[in-house]
Amino acid sequence: MDNSKSLLSDLILAGAQLRPQASGDYFRINGDDIVCSCALGAAKEALGFDPSCSDLNEKNNDRVNKIFADKVNIDPPIGLAQYTLSSDWTLCETIIHMNDKLKMTREEIAAILKEHGL
């Protein structure tokens, strides 16, 4: 299924079903096991990103990274200003802050993004 047109909030929710939440990294990997993912890692996985990144999946991961960049390397809506420390932050930086510093759940982050049509 092609999730490239999905809202970022829906991708976060879909990826959150795969594993527990992480902070500080997109993914926590222990050996060959992907242990947990942050909000952005969850979205990437929902798009089809393979965190273990074998050579066979490198081309797919490149495709996912391009789609992902288009979704998060944008200015956040003005309504998300309360979650940032700088007006210069991208949506990506804002979500990282919400996940890592504000300790919001992926579901909370997705709900806020959904309110803003993301």
C-alpha atoms as a PDB file:
ATOM      1  CA  MET A   1       0.000   0.000   0.000  1.00  0.00           C
ATOM      2  CA  ASP A   2       1.280   3.476  -0.905  1.00  0.00           C
ATOM      3  CA  ASN A   3       1.206   5.669   2.212  1.00  0.00           C
ATOM      4  CA  SER A   4       3.040   8.579   0.575  1.00  0.00           C
ATOM      5  CA  LYS A   5      -0.164  10.665   0.431  1.00  0.00           C
ATOM      6  CA  SER A   6      -1.114   9.947   4.053  1.00  0.00           C
ATOM      7  CA  LEU A   7      -1.163  12.678   6.655  1.00  0.00           C
ATOM      8  CA  LEU A   8       1.891  12.753   8.896  1.00  0.00           C
ATOM      9  CA  SER A   9      -0.389  12.289  11.914  1.00  0.00           C
ATOM     10  CA  ASP A  10      -1.823   9.077  10.434  1.00  0.00           C
ATOM     11  CA  LEU A  11       1.669   7.783   9.687  1.00  0.00           C
ATOM     12  CA  ILE A  12       2.777   8.422  13.276  1.00  0.00           C
ATOM     13  CA  LEU A  13      -0.258   6.553  14.608  1.00  0.00           C
ATOM     14  CA  ALA A  14       0.274   3.616  12.243  1.00  0.00           C
ATOM     15  CA  GLY A  15       3.957   3.332  13.116  1.00  0.00           C
ATOM     16  CA  ALA A  16       3.228   3.673  16.839  1.00  0.00           C
ATOM     17  CA  GLN A  17       1.350   0.363  16.649  1.00  0.00           C
ATOM     18  CA  LEU A  18       4.575  -1.443  15.720  1.00  0.00           C
ATOM     19  CA  ARG A  19       6.674  -0.884  18.861  1.00  0.00           C
ATOM     20  CA  PRO A  20       7.089   1.193  22.066  1.00  0.00           C
ATOM     21  CA  GLN A  21       8.153   4.835  22.053  1.00  0.00           C
ATOM     22  CA  ALA A  22      11.755   6.031  22.049  1.00  0.00           C
ATOM     23  CA  SER A  23      13.337   9.409  22.599  1.00  0.00           C
ATOM     24  CA  GLY A  24      16.700  10.732  21.514  1.00  0.00           C
ATOM     25  CA  ASP A  25      16.841   8.661  18.308  1.00  0.00           C
ATOM     26  CA  TYR A  26      14.468   7.801  15.488  1.00  0.00           C
ATOM     27  CA  PHE A  27      14.983   4.133  16.390  1.00  0.00           C
ATOM     28  CA  ARG A  28      16.625   2.098  19.121  1.00  0.00           C
ATOM     29  CA  ILE A  29      18.139  -1.069  17.743  1.00  0.00           C
ATOM     30  CA  ASN A  30      19.527  -3.952  19.800  1.00  0.00           C
ATOM     31  CA  GLY A  31      21.436  -6.300  17.527  1.00  0.00           C
ATOM     32  CA  ASP A  32      19.018  -7.084  14.705  1.00  0.00           C
ATOM     33  CA  ASP A  33      15.931  -6.106  16.720  1.00  0.00           C
ATOM     34  CA  ILE A  34      14.270  -2.733  16.374  1.00  0.00           C
ATOM     35  CA  VAL A  35      13.264  -2.099  19.980  1.00  0.00           C
ATOM     36  CA  CYS A  36      11.409   1.231  19.803  1.00  0.00           C
ATOM     37  CA  SER A  37      10.838   4.353  17.692  1.00  0.00           C
ATOM     38  CA  CYS A  38      10.126   8.028  18.271  1.00  0.00           C
ATOM     39  CA  ALA A  39       7.223   9.845  16.602  1.00  0.00           C
ATOM     40  CA  LEU A  40       9.240  10.536  13.456  1.00  0.00           C
ATOM     41  CA  GLY A  41      10.683   7.025  13.384  1.00  0.00           C
ATOM     42  CA  ALA A  42       7.151   5.649  13.613  1.00  0.00           C
ATOM     43  CA  ALA A  43       6.106   7.767  10.627  1.00  0.00           C
ATOM     44  CA  LYS A  44       9.106   6.587   8.614  1.00  0.00           C
ATOM     45  CA  GLU A  45       8.305   2.946   9.366  1.00  0.00           C
ATOM     46  CA  ALA A  46       4.692   3.462   8.315  1.00  0.00           C
ATOM     47  CA  LEU A  47       6.039   4.746   4.994  1.00  0.00           C
ATOM     48  CA  GLY A  48       8.021   1.518   4.588  1.00  0.00           C
ATOM     49  CA  PHE A  49      11.429   2.539   5.942  1.00  0.00           C
ATOM     50  CA  ASP A  50      13.563  -0.381   7.110  1.00  0.00           C
ATOM     51  CA  PRO A  51      15.650   0.719  10.111  1.00  0.00           C
ATOM     52  CA  SER A  52      17.888  -2.345   9.808  1.00  0.00           C
ATOM     53  CA  CYS A  53      18.791  -1.043   6.307  1.00  0.00           C
ATOM     54  CA  SER A  54      20.164  -4.066   4.560  1.00  0.00           C
ATOM     55  CA  ASP A  55      21.622  -3.382   1.133  1.00  0.00           C
ATOM     56  CA  LEU A  56      18.460  -4.846  -0.417  1.00  0.00           C
ATOM     57  CA  ASN A  57      16.355  -2.139   1.205  1.00  0.00           C
ATOM     58  CA  GLU A  58      18.660   0.825   0.585  1.00  0.00           C
ATOM     59  CA  LYS A  59      16.816   1.941  -2.570  1.00  0.00           C
ATOM     60  CA  ASN A  60      13.465   1.744  -0.776  1.00  0.00           C
ATOM     61  CA  ASN A  61      14.851   3.682   2.193  1.00  0.00           C
ATOM     62  CA  ASP A  62      16.098   6.414  -0.154  1.00  0.00           C
ATOM     63  CA  ARG A  63      12.578   6.678  -1.615  1.00  0.00           C
ATOM     64  CA  VAL A  64      11.039   6.842   1.867  1.00  0.00           C
ATOM     65  CA  ASN A  65      13.548   9.464   3.011  1.00  0.00           C
ATOM     66  CA  LYS A  66      12.550  11.735   0.107  1.00  0.00           C
ATOM     67  CA  ILE A  67       8.836  11.398   0.886  1.00  0.00           C
ATOM     68  CA  PHE A  68       9.521  11.903   4.592  1.00  0.00           C
ATOM     69  CA  ALA A  69      11.621  15.032   3.997  1.00  0.00           C
ATOM     70  CA  ASP A  70       8.773  16.605   2.002  1.00  0.00           C
ATOM     71  CA  LYS A  71       6.440  16.049   4.962  1.00  0.00           C
ATOM     72  CA  VAL A  72       8.633  17.356   7.788  1.00  0.00           C
ATOM     73  CA  ASN A  73      11.075  19.902   6.328  1.00  0.00           C
ATOM     74  CA  ILE A  74       8.416  22.603   6.247  1.00  0.00           C
ATOM     75  CA  ASP A  75       7.488  25.494   8.492  1.00  0.00           C
ATOM     76  CA  PRO A  76       5.127  24.358  11.231  1.00  0.00           C
ATOM     77  CA  PRO A  77       1.650  25.918  11.413  1.00  0.00           C
ATOM     78  CA  ILE A  78       1.467  28.974  13.687  1.00  0.00           C
ATOM     79  CA  GLY A  79      -0.630  26.935  16.131  1.00  0.00           C
ATOM     80  CA  LEU A  80       2.396  24.774  16.937  1.00  0.00           C
ATOM     81  CA  ALA A  81       4.461  27.767  18.122  1.00  0.00           C
ATOM     82  CA  GLN A  82       3.772  26.860  21.754  1.00  0.00           C
ATOM     83  CA  TYR A  83       5.740  23.632  21.243  1.00  0.00           C
ATOM     84  CA  THR A  84       8.891  25.277  19.847  1.00  0.00           C
ATOM     85  CA  LEU A  85      11.785  27.246  21.286  1.00  0.00           C
ATOM     86  CA  SER A  86      12.505  29.101  18.050  1.00  0.00           C
ATOM     87  CA  SER A  87      10.421  30.563  15.260  1.00  0.00           C
ATOM     88  CA  ASP A  88      13.070  29.232  12.854  1.00  0.00           C
ATOM     89  CA  TRP A  89      12.333  25.573  13.594  1.00  0.00           C
ATOM     90  CA  THR A  90      11.024  23.215  10.946  1.00  0.00           C
ATOM     91  CA  LEU A  91       8.138  20.881  11.627  1.00  0.00           C
ATOM     92  CA  CYS A  92      10.716  18.116  12.053  1.00  0.00           C
ATOM     93  CA  GLU A  93      12.523  20.016  14.826  1.00  0.00           C
ATOM     94  CA  THR A  94       9.203  20.815  16.497  1.00  0.00           C
ATOM     95  CA  ILE A  95       8.164  17.150  16.562  1.00  0.00           C
ATOM     96  CA  ILE A  96      11.563  16.113  17.929  1.00  0.00           C
ATOM     97  CA  HIS A  97      11.130  18.656  20.736  1.00  0.00           C
ATOM     98  CA  MET A  98       7.598  17.437  21.474  1.00  0.00           C
ATOM     99  CA  ASN A  99       8.789  13.815  21.611  1.00  0.00           C
ATOM    100  CA  ASP A 100      12.162  14.195  23.361  1.00  0.00           C
ATOM    101  CA  LYS A 101      11.911  17.258  25.596  1.00  0.00           C
ATOM    102  CA  LEU A 102       8.189  17.680  26.264  1.00  0.00           C
ATOM    103  CA  LYS A 103       7.843  13.882  26.622  1.00  0.00           C
ATOM    104  CA  MET A 104       4.585  13.805  24.669  1.00  0.00           C
ATOM    105  CA  THR A 105       3.320  10.445  23.472  1.00  0.00           C
ATOM    106  CA  ARG A 106       3.220   9.740  19.767  1.00  0.00           C
ATOM    107  CA  GLU A 107      -0.564   9.672  20.019  1.00  0.00           C
ATOM    108  CA  GLU A 108      -0.611  13.156  21.600  1.00  0.00           C
ATOM    109  CA  ILE A 109       1.708  14.474  18.900  1.00  0.00           C
ATOM    110  CA  ALA A 110      -0.427  12.922  16.157  1.00  0.00           C
ATOM    111  CA  ALA A 111      -3.614  14.426  17.623  1.00  0.00           C
ATOM    112  CA  ILE A 112      -2.077  17.926  17.637  1.00  0.00           C
ATOM    113  CA  LEU A 113      -0.796  17.508  14.078  1.00  0.00           C
ATOM    114  CA  LYS A 114      -4.213  16.258  12.948  1.00  0.00           C
ATOM    115  CA  GLU A 115      -5.846  19.409  14.420  1.00  0.00           C
ATOM    116  CA  HIS A 116      -3.633  21.392  12.047  1.00  0.00           C
ATOM    117  CA  GLY A 117      -4.345  19.240   9.009  1.00  0.00           C
ATOM    118  CA  LEU A 118      -0.982  17.484   9.037  1.00  0.00           C
END
